PDB file of N, CA and C in Angstrom:
ATOM      1  N   MET A   1     -38.556  -0.416 -23.319  1.00  0.00           N
ATOM      2  CA  MET A   1     -37.540  -1.136 -22.586  1.00  0.00           C
ATOM      3  C   MET A   1     -36.159  -0.562 -22.895  1.00  0.00           C
ATOM      4  N   LEU A   2     -35.898  -0.306 -24.168  1.00  0.00           N
ATOM      5  CA  LEU A   2     -34.602   0.237 -24.564  1.00  0.00           C
ATOM      6  C   LEU A   2     -34.423   1.647 -24.008  1.00  0.00           C
ATOM      7  N   LYS A   3     -35.513   2.432 -24.007  1.00  0.00           N
ATOM      8  CA  LYS A   3     -35.435   3.787 -23.459  1.00  0.00           C
ATOM      9  C   LYS A   3     -35.140   3.743 -21.968  1.00  0.00           C
ATOM     10  N   THR A   4     -35.714   2.801 -21.251  1.00  0.00           N
ATOM     11  CA  THR A   4     -35.493   2.683 -19.812  1.00  0.00           C
ATOM     12  C   THR A   4     -34.030   2.353 -19.520  1.00  0.00           C
ATOM     13  N   ILE A   5     -33.468   1.438 -20.276  1.00  0.00           N
ATOM     14  CA  ILE A   5     -32.068   1.072 -20.082  1.00  0.00           C
ATOM     15  C   ILE A   5     -31.161   2.250 -20.415  1.00  0.00           C
ATOM     16  N   ALA A   6     -31.490   2.977 -21.471  1.00  0.00           N
ATOM     17  CA  ALA A   6     -30.698   4.137 -21.852  1.00  0.00           C
ATOM     18  C   ALA A   6     -30.772   5.217 -20.775  1.00  0.00           C
ATOM     19  N   LEU A   7     -31.949   5.439 -20.223  1.00  0.00           N
ATOM     20  CA  LEU A   7     -32.092   6.447 -19.168  1.00  0.00           C
ATOM     21  C   LEU A   7     -31.352   6.033 -17.897  1.00  0.00           C
ATOM     22  N   LEU A   8     -31.388   4.754 -17.556  1.00  0.00           N
ATOM     23  CA  LEU A   8     -30.651   4.282 -16.387  1.00  0.00           C
ATOM     24  C   LEU A   8     -29.146   4.471 -16.584  1.00  0.00           C
ATOM     25  N   GLY A   9     -28.658   4.159 -17.762  1.00  0.00           N
ATOM     26  CA  GLY A   9     -27.243   4.346 -18.061  1.00  0.00           C
ATOM     27  C   GLY A   9     -26.848   5.803 -18.031  1.00  0.00           C
ATOM     28  N   LEU A  10     -27.683   6.665 -18.574  1.00  0.00           N
ATOM     29  CA  LEU A  10     -27.415   8.099 -18.571  1.00  0.00           C
ATOM     30  C   LEU A  10     -27.437   8.653 -17.152  1.00  0.00           C
ATOM     31  N   GLY A  11     -28.392   8.200 -16.357  1.00  0.00           N
ATOM     32  CA  GLY A  11     -28.464   8.657 -14.963  1.00  0.00           C
ATOM     33  C   GLY A  11     -27.255   8.216 -14.160  1.00  0.00           C
ATOM     34  N   ALA A  12     -26.803   6.986 -14.380  1.00  0.00           N
ATOM     35  CA  ALA A  12     -25.622   6.494 -13.682  1.00  0.00           C
ATOM     36  C   ALA A  12     -24.381   7.271 -14.112  1.00  0.00           C
ATOM     37  N   ALA A  13     -24.279   7.569 -15.395  1.00  0.00           N
ATOM     38  CA  ALA A  13     -23.126   8.322 -15.889  1.00  0.00           C
ATOM     39  C   ALA A  13     -23.089   9.720 -15.288  1.00  0.00           C
ATOM     40  N   VAL A  14     -24.242  10.366 -15.206  1.00  0.00           N
ATOM     41  CA  VAL A  14     -24.300  11.715 -14.632  1.00  0.00           C
ATOM     42  C   VAL A  14     -23.987  11.660 -13.139  1.00  0.00           C
ATOM     43  N   ALA A  15     -24.488  10.661 -12.443  1.00  0.00           N
ATOM     44  CA  ALA A  15     -24.253  10.559 -11.006  1.00  0.00           C
ATOM     45  C   ALA A  15     -22.788  10.282 -10.693  1.00  0.00           C
ATOM     46  N   PHE A  16     -22.151   9.405 -11.456  1.00  0.00           N
ATOM     47  CA  PHE A  16     -20.767   9.049 -11.147  1.00  0.00           C
ATOM     48  C   PHE A  16     -19.755  10.066 -11.641  1.00  0.00           C
ATOM     49  N   THR A  17     -20.103  10.907 -12.584  1.00  0.00           N
ATOM     50  CA  THR A  17     -19.143  11.917 -13.028  1.00  0.00           C
ATOM     51  C   THR A  17     -19.028  13.050 -12.029  1.00  0.00           C
ATOM     52  N   SER A  18     -20.028  13.285 -11.205  1.00  0.00           N
ATOM     53  CA  SER A  18     -19.952  14.369 -10.236  1.00  0.00           C
ATOM     54  C   SER A  18     -19.294  13.933  -8.933  1.00  0.00           C
ATOM     55  N   LEU A  19     -19.140  12.640  -8.682  1.00  0.00           N
ATOM     56  CA  LEU A  19     -18.547  12.169  -7.430  1.00  0.00           C
ATOM     57  C   LEU A  19     -17.099  12.596  -7.249  1.00  0.00           C
ATOM     58  N   PRO A  20     -16.209  12.505  -8.228  1.00  0.00           N
ATOM     59  CA  PRO A  20     -14.838  12.960  -7.995  1.00  0.00           C
ATOM     60  C   PRO A  20     -14.747  14.451  -7.678  1.00  0.00           C
ATOM     61  N   ALA A  21     -15.612  15.239  -8.269  1.00  0.00           N
ATOM     62  CA  ALA A  21     -15.594  16.673  -7.985  1.00  0.00           C
ATOM     63  C   ALA A  21     -16.004  16.939  -6.543  1.00  0.00           C
ATOM     64  N   ILE A  22     -16.955  16.190  -6.031  1.00  0.00           N
ATOM     65  CA  ILE A  22     -17.381  16.359  -4.645  1.00  0.00           C
ATOM     66  C   ILE A  22     -16.280  15.914  -3.695  1.00  0.00           C
ATOM     67  N   ALA A  23     -15.580  14.840  -4.035  1.00  0.00           N
ATOM     68  CA  ALA A  23     -14.528  14.313  -3.162  1.00  0.00           C
ATOM     69  C   ALA A  23     -13.336  15.248  -3.086  1.00  0.00           C
ATOM     70  N   GLN A  24     -13.085  16.052  -4.097  1.00  0.00           N
ATOM     71  CA  GLN A  24     -11.907  16.905  -4.113  1.00  0.00           C
ATOM     72  C   GLN A  24     -12.172  18.314  -3.595  1.00  0.00           C
ATOM     73  N   THR A  25     -13.374  18.637  -3.194  1.00  0.00           N
ATOM     74  CA  THR A  25     -13.644  20.010  -2.785  1.00  0.00           C
ATOM     75  C   THR A  25     -13.109  20.346  -1.406  1.00  0.00           C
ATOM     76  N   ASN A  26     -12.899  19.371  -0.519  1.00  0.00           N
ATOM     77  CA  ASN A  26     -12.496  19.671   0.846  1.00  0.00           C
ATOM     78  C   ASN A  26     -11.022  19.405   1.111  1.00  0.00           C
ATOM     79  N   GLN A  27     -10.173  19.539   0.136  1.00  0.00           N
ATOM     80  CA  GLN A  27      -8.751  19.330   0.347  1.00  0.00           C
ATOM     81  C   GLN A  27      -8.107  20.639   0.771  1.00  0.00           C
ATOM     82  N   SER A  28      -7.312  20.577   1.845  1.00  0.00           N
ATOM     83  CA  SER A  28      -6.665  21.785   2.329  1.00  0.00           C
ATOM     84  C   SER A  28      -5.303  21.997   1.681  1.00  0.00           C
ATOM     85  N   ALA A  29      -4.614  20.918   1.296  1.00  0.00           N
ATOM     86  CA  ALA A  29      -3.297  21.025   0.675  1.00  0.00           C
ATOM     87  C   ALA A  29      -3.361  20.532  -0.764  1.00  0.00           C
ATOM     88  N   ALA A  30      -2.423  21.001  -1.559  1.00  0.00           N
ATOM     89  CA  ALA A  30      -2.345  20.562  -2.945  1.00  0.00           C
ATOM     90  C   ALA A  30      -1.866  19.114  -2.982  1.00  0.00           C
ATOM     91  N   PRO A  31      -2.318  18.309  -3.931  1.00  0.00           N
ATOM     92  CA  PRO A  31      -1.906  16.913  -3.999  1.00  0.00           C
ATOM     93  C   PRO A  31      -0.403  16.733  -4.177  1.00  0.00           C
ATOM     94  N   ALA A  32       0.241  17.597  -4.960  1.00  0.00           N
ATOM     95  CA  ALA A  32       1.684  17.463  -5.178  1.00  0.00           C
ATOM     96  C   ALA A  32       2.454  17.739  -3.892  1.00  0.00           C
ATOM     97  N   ALA A  33       1.992  18.685  -3.097  1.00  0.00           N
ATOM     98  CA  ALA A  33       2.686  19.014  -1.862  1.00  0.00           C
ATOM     99  C   ALA A  33       2.565  17.879  -0.848  1.00  0.00           C
ATOM    100  N   SER A  34       1.416  17.242  -0.769  1.00  0.00           N
ATOM    101  CA  SER A  34       1.253  16.156   0.188  1.00  0.00           C
ATOM    102  C   SER A  34       2.053  14.933  -0.235  1.00  0.00           C
ATOM    103  N   ALA A  35       2.185  14.688  -1.531  1.00  0.00           N
ATOM    104  CA  ALA A  35       2.969  13.550  -1.996  1.00  0.00           C
ATOM    105  C   ALA A  35       4.457  13.795  -1.743  1.00  0.00           C
ATOM    106  N   LYS A  36       4.894  15.026  -1.893  1.00  0.00           N
ATOM    107  CA  LYS A  36       6.292  15.372  -1.674  1.00  0.00           C
ATOM    108  C   LYS A  36       6.640  15.280  -0.196  1.00  0.00           C
ATOM    109  N   ALA A  37       5.705  15.626   0.671  1.00  0.00           N
ATOM    110  CA  ALA A  37       5.962  15.616   2.099  1.00  0.00           C
ATOM    111  C   ALA A  37       6.079  14.195   2.641  1.00  0.00           C
ATOM    112  N   SER A  38       5.526  13.199   1.967  1.00  0.00           N
ATOM    113  CA  SER A  38       5.574  11.833   2.467  1.00  0.00           C
ATOM    114  C   SER A  38       6.949  11.200   2.278  1.00  0.00           C
ATOM    115  N   LEU A  39       7.791  11.755   1.410  1.00  0.00           N
ATOM    116  CA  LEU A  39       9.123  11.210   1.200  1.00  0.00           C
ATOM    117  C   LEU A  39      10.055  11.724   2.289  1.00  0.00           C
ATOM    118  N   THR A  40      10.685  10.795   3.016  1.00  0.00           N
ATOM    119  CA  THR A  40      11.608  11.200   4.063  1.00  0.00           C
ATOM    120  C   THR A  40      12.895  10.412   3.925  1.00  0.00           C
ATOM    121  N   GLY A  41      13.992  11.012   4.292  1.00  0.00           N
ATOM    122  CA  GLY A  41      15.273  10.340   4.267  1.00  0.00           C
ATOM    123  C   GLY A  41      15.874  10.287   2.881  1.00  0.00           C
ATOM    124  N   SER A  42      17.172   9.997   2.869  1.00  0.00           N
ATOM    125  CA  SER A  42      17.880   9.894   1.596  1.00  0.00           C
ATOM    126  C   SER A  42      17.767   8.481   1.051  1.00  0.00           C
ATOM    127  N   HIS A  43      18.225   8.336  -0.159  1.00  0.00           N
ATOM    128  CA  HIS A  43      18.212   7.000  -0.778  1.00  0.00           C
ATOM    129  C   HIS A  43      19.124   6.060   0.005  1.00  0.00           C
ATOM    130  N   LYS A  44      20.242   6.592   0.471  1.00  0.00           N
ATOM    131  CA  LYS A  44      21.200   5.771   1.222  1.00  0.00           C
ATOM    132  C   LYS A  44      20.576   5.231   2.504  1.00  0.00           C
ATOM    133  N   SER A  45      19.834   6.061   3.208  1.00  0.00           N
ATOM    134  CA  SER A  45      19.216   5.603   4.454  1.00  0.00           C
ATOM    135  C   SER A  45      18.104   4.592   4.178  1.00  0.00           C
ATOM    136  N   GLN A  46      17.403   4.747   3.075  1.00  0.00           N
ATOM    137  CA  GLN A  46      16.358   3.784   2.728  1.00  0.00           C
ATOM    138  C   GLN A  46      16.965   2.437   2.359  1.00  0.00           C
ATOM    139  N   VAL A  47      18.083   2.442   1.631  1.00  0.00           N
ATOM    140  CA  VAL A  47      18.758   1.198   1.271  1.00  0.00           C
ATOM    141  C   VAL A  47      19.305   0.533   2.531  1.00  0.00           C
ATOM    142  N   ARG A  48      19.870   1.333   3.449  1.00  0.00           N
ATOM    143  CA  ARG A  48      20.400   0.789   4.687  1.00  0.00           C
ATOM    144  C   ARG A  48      19.298   0.147   5.510  1.00  0.00           C
ATOM    145  N   ARG A  49      18.141   0.786   5.585  1.00  0.00           N
ATOM    146  CA  ARG A  49      17.022   0.228   6.339  1.00  0.00           C
ATOM    147  C   ARG A  49      16.557  -1.077   5.710  1.00  0.00           C
ATOM    148  N   GLN A  50      16.474  -1.102   4.378  1.00  0.00           N
ATOM    149  CA  GLN A  50      16.046  -2.323   3.695  1.00  0.00           C
ATOM    150  C   GLN A  50      17.033  -3.458   3.952  1.00  0.00           C
ATOM    151  N   ALA A  51      18.331  -3.158   3.962  1.00  0.00           N
ATOM    152  CA  ALA A  51      19.339  -4.183   4.235  1.00  0.00           C
ATOM    153  C   ALA A  51      19.217  -4.690   5.662  1.00  0.00           C
ATOM    154  N   ASN A  52      18.976  -3.777   6.602  1.00  0.00           N
ATOM    155  CA  ASN A  52      18.820  -4.186   8.000  1.00  0.00           C
ATOM    156  C   ASN A  52      17.579  -5.049   8.187  1.00  0.00           C
ATOM    157  N   MET A  53      16.495  -4.696   7.510  1.00  0.00           N
ATOM    158  CA  MET A  53      15.274  -5.485   7.625  1.00  0.00           C
ATOM    159  C   MET A  53      15.473  -6.868   7.012  1.00  0.00           C
ATOM    160  N   SER A  54      16.194  -6.930   5.895  1.00  0.00           N
ATOM    161  CA  SER A  54      16.454  -8.209   5.254  1.00  0.00           C
ATOM    162  C   SER A  54      17.337  -9.081   6.145  1.00  0.00           C
ATOM    163  N   LYS A  55      18.343  -8.469   6.780  1.00  0.00           N
ATOM    164  CA  LYS A  55      19.221  -9.203   7.684  1.00  0.00           C
ATOM    165  C   LYS A  55      18.448  -9.740   8.887  1.00  0.00           C
ATOM    166  N   GLU A  56      17.569  -8.922   9.429  1.00  0.00           N
ATOM    167  CA  GLU A  56      16.757  -9.342  10.575  1.00  0.00           C
ATOM    168  C   GLU A  56      15.796 -10.466  10.189  1.00  0.00           C
ATOM    169  N   ARG A  57      15.196 -10.371   9.004  1.00  0.00           N
ATOM    170  CA  ARG A  57      14.290 -11.404   8.529  1.00  0.00           C
ATOM    171  C   ARG A  57      15.024 -12.732   8.353  1.00  0.00           C
ATOM    172  N   ALA A  58      16.247 -12.682   7.809  1.00  0.00           N
ATOM    173  CA  ALA A  58      17.038 -13.900   7.627  1.00  0.00           C
ATOM    174  C   ALA A  58      17.425 -14.493   8.982  1.00  0.00           C
ATOM    175  N   ARG A  59      17.769 -13.638   9.942  1.00  0.00           N
ATOM    176  CA  ARG A  59      18.153 -14.119  11.260  1.00  0.00           C
ATOM    177  C   ARG A  59      16.996 -14.816  11.950  1.00  0.00           C
ATOM    178  N   THR A  60      15.818 -14.223  11.906  1.00  0.00           N
ATOM    179  CA  THR A  60      14.656 -14.833  12.559  1.00  0.00           C
ATOM    180  C   THR A  60      14.221 -16.103  11.839  1.00  0.00           C
ATOM    181  N   SER A  61      14.375 -16.142  10.527  1.00  0.00           N
ATOM    182  CA  SER A  61      14.030 -17.353   9.777  1.00  0.00           C
ATOM    183  C   SER A  61      14.967 -18.498  10.155  1.00  0.00           C
ATOM    184  N   ALA A  62      16.260 -18.208  10.253  1.00  0.00           N
ATOM    185  CA  ALA A  62      17.220 -19.240  10.634  1.00  0.00           C
ATOM    186  C   ALA A  62      16.959 -19.716  12.060  1.00  0.00           C
ATOM    187  N   HIS A  63      16.612 -18.807  12.934  1.00  0.00           N
ATOM    188  CA  HIS A  63      16.291 -19.173  14.314  1.00  0.00           C
ATOM    189  C   HIS A  63      15.078 -20.105  14.351  1.00  0.00           C
ATOM    190  N   HIS A  64      14.095 -19.812  13.534  1.00  0.00           N
ATOM    191  CA  HIS A  64      12.890 -20.641  13.473  1.00  0.00           C
ATOM    192  C   HIS A  64      13.213 -22.036  12.944  1.00  0.00           C
ATOM    193  N   VAL A  65      14.048 -22.109  11.903  1.00  0.00           N
ATOM    194  CA  VAL A  65      14.408 -23.394  11.308  1.00  0.00           C
ATOM    195  C   VAL A  65      15.204 -24.232  12.305  1.00  0.00           C
ATOM    196  N   ARG A  66      16.081 -23.595  13.075  1.00  0.00           N
ATOM    197  CA  ARG A  66      16.843 -24.330  14.083  1.00  0.00           C
ATOM    198  C   ARG A  66      15.919 -24.977  15.106  1.00  0.00           C
ATOM    199  N   HIS A  67      14.845 -24.305  15.436  1.00  0.00           N
ATOM    200  CA  HIS A  67      13.903 -24.863  16.408  1.00  0.00           C
ATOM    201  C   HIS A  67      13.036 -25.965  15.806  1.00  0.00           C
ATOM    202  N   LEU A  68      12.924 -26.015  14.495  1.00  0.00           N
ATOM    203  CA  LEU A  68      12.121 -27.058  13.854  1.00  0.00           C
ATOM    204  C   LEU A  68      12.888 -28.375  13.724  1.00  0.00           C
ATOM    205  N   LYS A  69      14.215 -28.292  13.689  1.00  0.00           N
ATOM    206  CA  LYS A  69      14.998 -29.514  13.537  1.00  0.00           C
ATOM    207  C   LYS A  69      14.820 -30.392  14.761  1.00  0.00           C
ATOM    208  N   PRO A  70      14.732 -31.709  14.556  1.00  0.00           N
ATOM    209  CA  PRO A  70      14.582 -32.599  15.713  1.00  0.00           C
ATOM    210  C   PRO A  70      15.875 -32.624  16.531  1.00  0.00           C
ATOM    211  N   LYS A  71      15.707 -32.701  17.833  1.00  0.00           N
ATOM    212  CA  LYS A  71      16.856 -32.754  18.713  1.00  0.00           C
ATOM    213  C   LYS A  71      17.503 -34.136  18.595  1.00  0.00           C
ATOM    214  N   THR A  72      18.816 -34.150  18.468  1.00  0.00           N
ATOM    215  CA  THR A  72      19.537 -35.429  18.403  1.00  0.00           C
ATOM    216  C   THR A  72      20.048 -35.767  19.799  1.00  0.00           C
ATOM    217  N   LEU A  73      19.941 -37.015  20.145  1.00  0.00           N
ATOM    218  CA  LEU A  73      20.389 -37.456  21.455  1.00  0.00           C
ATOM    219  C   LEU A  73      21.864 -37.838  21.373  1.00  0.00           C
ATOM    220  N   THR A  74      22.641 -37.324  22.287  1.00  0.00           N
ATOM    221  CA  THR A  74      24.060 -37.680  22.323  1.00  0.00           C
ATOM    222  C   THR A  74      24.242 -38.820  23.325  1.00  0.00           C
ATOM    223  N   PRO A  75      24.957 -39.896  22.947  1.00  0.00           N
ATOM    224  CA  PRO A  75      25.117 -41.054  23.859  1.00  0.00           C
ATOM    225  C   PRO A  75      26.089 -40.808  24.993  1.00  0.00           C
TER     226      PRO A  75
END
């Protein structure tokens, strides 16, 4: 019983150690180059976009809250 468990563990270890090597064989570009290519724009433009998104989110939230308030009747 102990030998069977040991063999199953050894077989699983051998099978899973070869999987990353198989997954990395068909890459056409280097990993560092692909990570570098995903960065676009300057820090200033990213901060500006984040500020614009935050402003838009606040505007839509306020618009939603205004619609949730009950309408008051004017005499």
